[in-house]
Amino acid sequence: MKRFACGDVVAGCNWTMQVADEGELMSLIADHVAEAHGITTIDDELVAVVREHIQLVS
C-alpha cells in the first residue's frame, strides 16, 4: 500500500489517502490539490516533492 499525507507538504492540510497503486494515488492527489488548494497545473517539481513524501505501508 502507498500512503500520502498532504500535510507533510502543505502545512495544516489534514487530507490523507492510502491505496495499493501509486498511479491511482497520484490521480487522487491531483484531484485533491485542484479542489482543495487550487493547483491545476502539476509540474515535474511538484510531482517530485509528492513522490518524496509517499510512504510504503503494509
PDB file of N, CA and C in Angstrom:
ATOM      1  N   MET A   1       0.835  -1.181   0.000  1.00  0.00           N
ATOM      2  CA  MET A   1       0.000   0.000   0.000  1.00  0.00           C
ATOM      3  C   MET A   1       0.882   1.246   0.000  1.00  0.00           C
ATOM      4  N   LYS A   2       0.374   2.277  -0.634  1.00  0.00           N
ATOM      5  CA  LYS A   2       1.048   3.575  -0.684  1.00  0.00           C
ATOM      6  C   LYS A   2       0.187   4.585   0.059  1.00  0.00           C
ATOM      7  N   ARG A   3       0.835   5.435   0.865  1.00  0.00           N
ATOM      8  CA  ARG A   3       0.108   6.422   1.653  1.00  0.00           C
ATOM      9  C   ARG A   3       0.728   7.795   1.433  1.00  0.00           C
ATOM     10  N   PHE A   4      -0.162   8.803   1.330  1.00  0.00           N
ATOM     11  CA  PHE A   4       0.289  10.181   1.207  1.00  0.00           C
ATOM     12  C   PHE A   4      -0.534  11.044   2.151  1.00  0.00           C
ATOM     13  N   ALA A   5       0.154  11.873   2.926  1.00  0.00           N
ATOM     14  CA  ALA A   5      -0.494  12.844   3.808  1.00  0.00           C
ATOM     15  C   ALA A   5      -0.151  14.233   3.278  1.00  0.00           C
ATOM     16  N   CYS A   6      -1.140  14.941   2.798  1.00  0.00           N
ATOM     17  CA  CYS A   6      -0.918  16.263   2.210  1.00  0.00           C
ATOM     18  C   CYS A   6      -0.249  17.215   3.199  1.00  0.00           C
ATOM     19  N   GLY A   7      -0.572  17.072   4.475  1.00  0.00           N
ATOM     20  CA  GLY A   7       0.011  17.929   5.498  1.00  0.00           C
ATOM     21  C   GLY A   7       1.527  17.827   5.594  1.00  0.00           C
ATOM     22  N   ASP A   8       2.108  16.751   5.049  1.00  0.00           N
ATOM     23  CA  ASP A   8       3.569  16.636   5.005  1.00  0.00           C
ATOM     24  C   ASP A   8       4.165  17.639   4.028  1.00  0.00           C
ATOM     25  N   VAL A   9       3.345  18.129   3.110  1.00  0.00           N
ATOM     26  CA  VAL A   9       3.793  19.087   2.093  1.00  0.00           C
ATOM     27  C   VAL A   9       3.154  20.458   2.314  1.00  0.00           C
ATOM     28  N   VAL A  10       1.868  20.472   2.639  1.00  0.00           N
ATOM     29  CA  VAL A  10       1.114  21.709   2.836  1.00  0.00           C
ATOM     30  C   VAL A  10       0.699  21.779   4.310  1.00  0.00           C
ATOM     31  N   ALA A  11       1.334  22.660   5.050  1.00  0.00           N
ATOM     32  CA  ALA A  11       1.053  22.783   6.479  1.00  0.00           C
ATOM     33  C   ALA A  11      -0.434  23.033   6.727  1.00  0.00           C
ATOM     34  N   GLY A  12      -0.983  22.286   7.665  1.00  0.00           N
ATOM     35  CA  GLY A  12      -2.372  22.486   8.059  1.00  0.00           C
ATOM     36  C   GLY A  12      -3.388  21.668   7.294  1.00  0.00           C
ATOM     37  N   CYS A  13      -2.980  20.991   6.233  1.00  0.00           N
ATOM     38  CA  CYS A  13      -3.923  20.175   5.466  1.00  0.00           C
ATOM     39  C   CYS A  13      -3.988  18.792   6.111  1.00  0.00           C
ATOM     40  N   ASN A  14      -5.193  18.324   6.374  1.00  0.00           N
ATOM     41  CA  ASN A  14      -5.393  17.041   7.046  1.00  0.00           C
ATOM     42  C   ASN A  14      -5.728  15.887   6.105  1.00  0.00           C
ATOM     43  N   TRP A  15      -5.720  16.136   4.792  1.00  0.00           N
ATOM     44  CA  TRP A  15      -6.104  15.110   3.818  1.00  0.00           C
ATOM     45  C   TRP A  15      -5.040  14.024   3.736  1.00  0.00           C
ATOM     46  N   THR A  16      -5.481  12.777   3.809  1.00  0.00           N
ATOM     47  CA  THR A  16      -4.590  11.633   3.609  1.00  0.00           C
ATOM     48  C   THR A  16      -5.289  10.618   2.725  1.00  0.00           C
ATOM     49  N   MET A  17      -4.488   9.832   2.030  1.00  0.00           N
ATOM     50  CA  MET A  17      -5.049   8.793   1.181  1.00  0.00           C
ATOM     51  C   MET A  17      -4.096   7.612   1.188  1.00  0.00           C
ATOM     52  N   GLN A  18      -4.679   6.416   1.172  1.00  0.00           N
ATOM     53  CA  GLN A  18      -3.891   5.190   1.131  1.00  0.00           C
ATOM     54  C   GLN A  18      -4.534   4.245   0.134  1.00  0.00           C
ATOM     55  N   VAL A  19      -3.772   3.853  -0.876  1.00  0.00           N
ATOM     56  CA  VAL A  19      -4.259   2.920  -1.893  1.00  0.00           C
ATOM     57  C   VAL A  19      -3.107   1.986  -2.281  1.00  0.00           C
ATOM     58  N   ALA A  20      -3.419   0.950  -3.026  1.00  0.00           N
ATOM     59  CA  ALA A  20      -2.409  -0.036  -3.404  1.00  0.00           C
ATOM     60  C   ALA A  20      -1.506   0.448  -4.532  1.00  0.00           C
ATOM     61  N   ASP A  21      -2.041   1.237  -5.440  1.00  0.00           N
ATOM     62  CA  ASP A  21      -1.335   1.588  -6.676  1.00  0.00           C
ATOM     63  C   ASP A  21      -0.875   3.047  -6.671  1.00  0.00           C
ATOM     64  N   GLU A  22       0.398   3.285  -6.967  1.00  0.00           N
ATOM     65  CA  GLU A  22       0.923   4.653  -6.966  1.00  0.00           C
ATOM     66  C   GLU A  22       0.272   5.513  -8.047  1.00  0.00           C
ATOM     67  N   GLY A  23      -0.043   4.935  -9.185  1.00  0.00           N
ATOM     68  CA  GLY A  23      -0.705   5.695 -10.243  1.00  0.00           C
ATOM     69  C   GLY A  23      -2.065   6.206  -9.798  1.00  0.00           C
ATOM     70  N   GLU A  24      -2.818   5.340  -9.128  1.00  0.00           N
ATOM     71  CA  GLU A  24      -4.116   5.743  -8.594  1.00  0.00           C
ATOM     72  C   GLU A  24      -3.940   6.821  -7.528  1.00  0.00           C
ATOM     73  N   LEU A  25      -2.928   6.648  -6.678  1.00  0.00           N
ATOM     74  CA  LEU A  25      -2.661   7.630  -5.639  1.00  0.00           C
ATOM     75  C   LEU A  25      -2.343   8.994  -6.247  1.00  0.00           C
ATOM     76  N   MET A  26      -1.505   9.017  -7.274  1.00  0.00           N
ATOM     77  CA  MET A  26      -1.144  10.291  -7.911  1.00  0.00           C
ATOM     78  C   MET A  26      -2.383  10.959  -8.515  1.00  0.00           C
ATOM     79  N   SER A  27      -3.277  10.176  -9.076  1.00  0.00           N
ATOM     80  CA  SER A  27      -4.517  10.723  -9.638  1.00  0.00           C
ATOM     81  C   SER A  27      -5.390  11.338  -8.542  1.00  0.00           C
ATOM     82  N   LEU A  28      -5.502  10.647  -7.418  1.00  0.00           N
ATOM     83  CA  LEU A  28      -6.287  11.166  -6.295  1.00  0.00           C
ATOM     84  C   LEU A  28      -5.646  12.423  -5.712  1.00  0.00           C
ATOM     85  N   ILE A  29      -4.331  12.449  -5.654  1.00  0.00           N
ATOM     86  CA  ILE A  29      -3.621  13.641  -5.172  1.00  0.00           C
ATOM     87  C   ILE A  29      -3.882  14.809  -6.110  1.00  0.00           C
ATOM     88  N   ALA A  30      -3.827  14.575  -7.405  1.00  0.00           N
ATOM     89  CA  ALA A  30      -4.100  15.639  -8.380  1.00  0.00           C
ATOM     90  C   ALA A  30      -5.498  16.207  -8.192  1.00  0.00           C
ATOM     91  N   ASP A  31      -6.479  15.337  -7.993  1.00  0.00           N
ATOM     92  CA  ASP A  31      -7.852  15.792  -7.751  1.00  0.00           C
ATOM     93  C   ASP A  31      -7.921  16.628  -6.474  1.00  0.00           C
ATOM     94  N   HIS A  32      -7.254  16.157  -5.427  1.00  0.00           N
ATOM     95  CA  HIS A  32      -7.270  16.868  -4.148  1.00  0.00           C
ATOM     96  C   HIS A  32      -6.637  18.247  -4.262  1.00  0.00           C
ATOM     97  N   VAL A  33      -5.445  18.333  -4.846  1.00  0.00           N
ATOM     98  CA  VAL A  33      -4.771  19.638  -4.884  1.00  0.00           C
ATOM     99  C   VAL A  33      -5.526  20.636  -5.755  1.00  0.00           C
ATOM    100  N   ALA A  34      -6.210  20.142  -6.770  1.00  0.00           N
ATOM    101  CA  ALA A  34      -7.025  21.046  -7.598  1.00  0.00           C
ATOM    102  C   ALA A  34      -8.198  21.594  -6.793  1.00  0.00           C
ATOM    103  N   GLU A  35      -8.885  20.698  -6.100  1.00  0.00           N
ATOM    104  CA  GLU A  35     -10.083  21.099  -5.363  1.00  0.00           C
ATOM    105  C   GLU A  35      -9.751  21.895  -4.097  1.00  0.00           C
ATOM    106  N   ALA A  36      -8.812  21.400  -3.315  1.00  0.00           N
ATOM    107  CA  ALA A  36      -8.551  21.989  -2.000  1.00  0.00           C
ATOM    108  C   ALA A  36      -7.548  23.142  -2.028  1.00  0.00           C
ATOM    109  N   HIS A  37      -6.621  23.100  -2.990  1.00  0.00           N
ATOM    110  CA  HIS A  37      -5.537  24.084  -2.986  1.00  0.00           C
ATOM    111  C   HIS A  37      -5.481  24.935  -4.254  1.00  0.00           C
ATOM    112  N   GLY A  38      -6.376  24.680  -5.207  1.00  0.00           N
ATOM    113  CA  GLY A  38      -6.437  25.481  -6.423  1.00  0.00           C
ATOM    114  C   GLY A  38      -5.278  25.273  -7.375  1.00  0.00           C
ATOM    115  N   ILE A  39      -4.562  24.166  -7.219  1.00  0.00           N
ATOM    116  CA  ILE A  39      -3.419  23.883  -8.091  1.00  0.00           C
ATOM    117  C   ILE A  39      -3.909  22.983  -9.221  1.00  0.00           C
ATOM    118  N   THR A  40      -3.963  23.536 -10.429  1.00  0.00           N
ATOM    119  CA  THR A  40      -4.484  22.776 -11.559  1.00  0.00           C
ATOM    120  C   THR A  40      -3.391  22.328 -12.514  1.00  0.00           C
ATOM    121  N   THR A  41      -2.209  22.914 -12.394  1.00  0.00           N
ATOM    122  CA  THR A  41      -1.079  22.509 -13.221  1.00  0.00           C
ATOM    123  C   THR A  41      -0.049  21.839 -12.322  1.00  0.00           C
ATOM    124  N   ILE A  42       0.202  20.582 -12.573  1.00  0.00           N
ATOM    125  CA  ILE A  42       1.144  19.828 -11.755  1.00  0.00           C
ATOM    126  C   ILE A  42       2.410  19.617 -12.571  1.00  0.00           C
ATOM    127  N   ASP A  43       3.450  20.343 -12.179  1.00  0.00           N
ATOM    128  CA  ASP A  43       4.708  20.258 -12.914  1.00  0.00           C
ATOM    129  C   ASP A  43       5.611  19.175 -12.318  1.00  0.00           C
ATOM    130  N   ASP A  44       6.742  18.952 -12.980  1.00  0.00           N
ATOM    131  CA  ASP A  44       7.666  17.899 -12.546  1.00  0.00           C
ATOM    132  C   ASP A  44       8.195  18.133 -11.141  1.00  0.00           C
ATOM    133  N   GLU A  45       8.375  19.388 -10.766  1.00  0.00           N
ATOM    134  CA  GLU A  45       8.877  19.707  -9.424  1.00  0.00           C
ATOM    135  C   GLU A  45       7.874  19.277  -8.351  1.00  0.00           C
ATOM    136  N   LEU A  46       6.603  19.560  -8.582  1.00  0.00           N
ATOM    137  CA  LEU A  46       5.576  19.163  -7.618  1.00  0.00           C
ATOM    138  C   LEU A  46       5.464  17.644  -7.543  1.00  0.00           C
ATOM    139  N   VAL A  47       5.537  16.979  -8.674  1.00  0.00           N
ATOM    140  CA  VAL A  47       5.493  15.514  -8.687  1.00  0.00           C
ATOM    141  C   VAL A  47       6.647  14.951  -7.866  1.00  0.00           C
ATOM    142  N   ALA A  48       7.832  15.522  -8.015  1.00  0.00           N
ATOM    143  CA  ALA A  48       8.996  15.055  -7.260  1.00  0.00           C
ATOM    144  C   ALA A  48       8.800  15.238  -5.765  1.00  0.00           C
ATOM    145  N   VAL A  49       8.259  16.388  -5.360  1.00  0.00           N
ATOM    146  CA  VAL A  49       8.016  16.647  -3.938  1.00  0.00           C
ATOM    147  C   VAL A  49       6.992  15.657  -3.390  1.00  0.00           C
ATOM    148  N   VAL A  50       5.934  15.429  -4.134  1.00  0.00           N
ATOM    149  CA  VAL A  50       4.903  14.486  -3.699  1.00  0.00           C
ATOM    150  C   VAL A  50       5.502  13.092  -3.561  1.00  0.00           C
ATOM    151  N   ARG A  51       6.259  12.652  -4.564  1.00  0.00           N
ATOM    152  CA  ARG A  51       6.842  11.306  -4.516  1.00  0.00           C
ATOM    153  C   ARG A  51       7.783  11.132  -3.330  1.00  0.00           C
ATOM    154  N   GLU A  52       8.476  12.197  -2.938  1.00  0.00           N
ATOM    155  CA  GLU A  52       9.367  12.134  -1.777  1.00  0.00           C
ATOM    156  C   GLU A  52       8.589  11.853  -0.493  1.00  0.00           C
ATOM    157  N   HIS A  53       7.310  12.195  -0.472  1.00  0.00           N
ATOM    158  CA  HIS A  53       6.507  12.065   0.726  1.00  0.00           C
ATOM    159  C   HIS A  53       5.533  10.881   0.700  1.00  0.00           C
ATOM    160  N   ILE A  54       5.565  10.088  -0.359  1.00  0.00           N
ATOM    161  CA  ILE A  54       4.737   8.883  -0.400  1.00  0.00           C
ATOM    162  C   ILE A  54       5.412   7.821   0.455  1.00  0.00           C
ATOM    163  N   GLN A  55       4.617   7.233   1.322  1.00  0.00           N
ATOM    164  CA  GLN A  55       5.143   6.192   2.228  1.00  0.00           C
ATOM    165  C   GLN A  55       4.609   4.833   1.815  1.00  0.00           C
ATOM    166  N   LEU A  56       5.457   3.850   1.926  1.00  0.00           N
ATOM    167  CA  LEU A  56       5.060   2.467   1.703  1.00  0.00           C
ATOM    168  C   LEU A  56       4.588   1.906   3.045  1.00  0.00           C
ATOM    169  N   VAL A  57       3.354   1.440   3.077  1.00  0.00           N
ATOM    170  CA  VAL A  57       2.808   0.885   4.317  1.00  0.00           C
ATOM    171  C   VAL A  57       2.324  -0.541   4.061  1.00  0.00           C
ATOM    172  N   SER A  58       2.314  -1.325   5.104  1.00  0.00           N
ATOM    173  CA  SER A  58       1.868  -2.719   4.928  1.00  0.00           C
ATOM    174  C   SER A  58       0.503  -2.948   5.515  1.00  0.00           C
TER     175      SER A  58
END
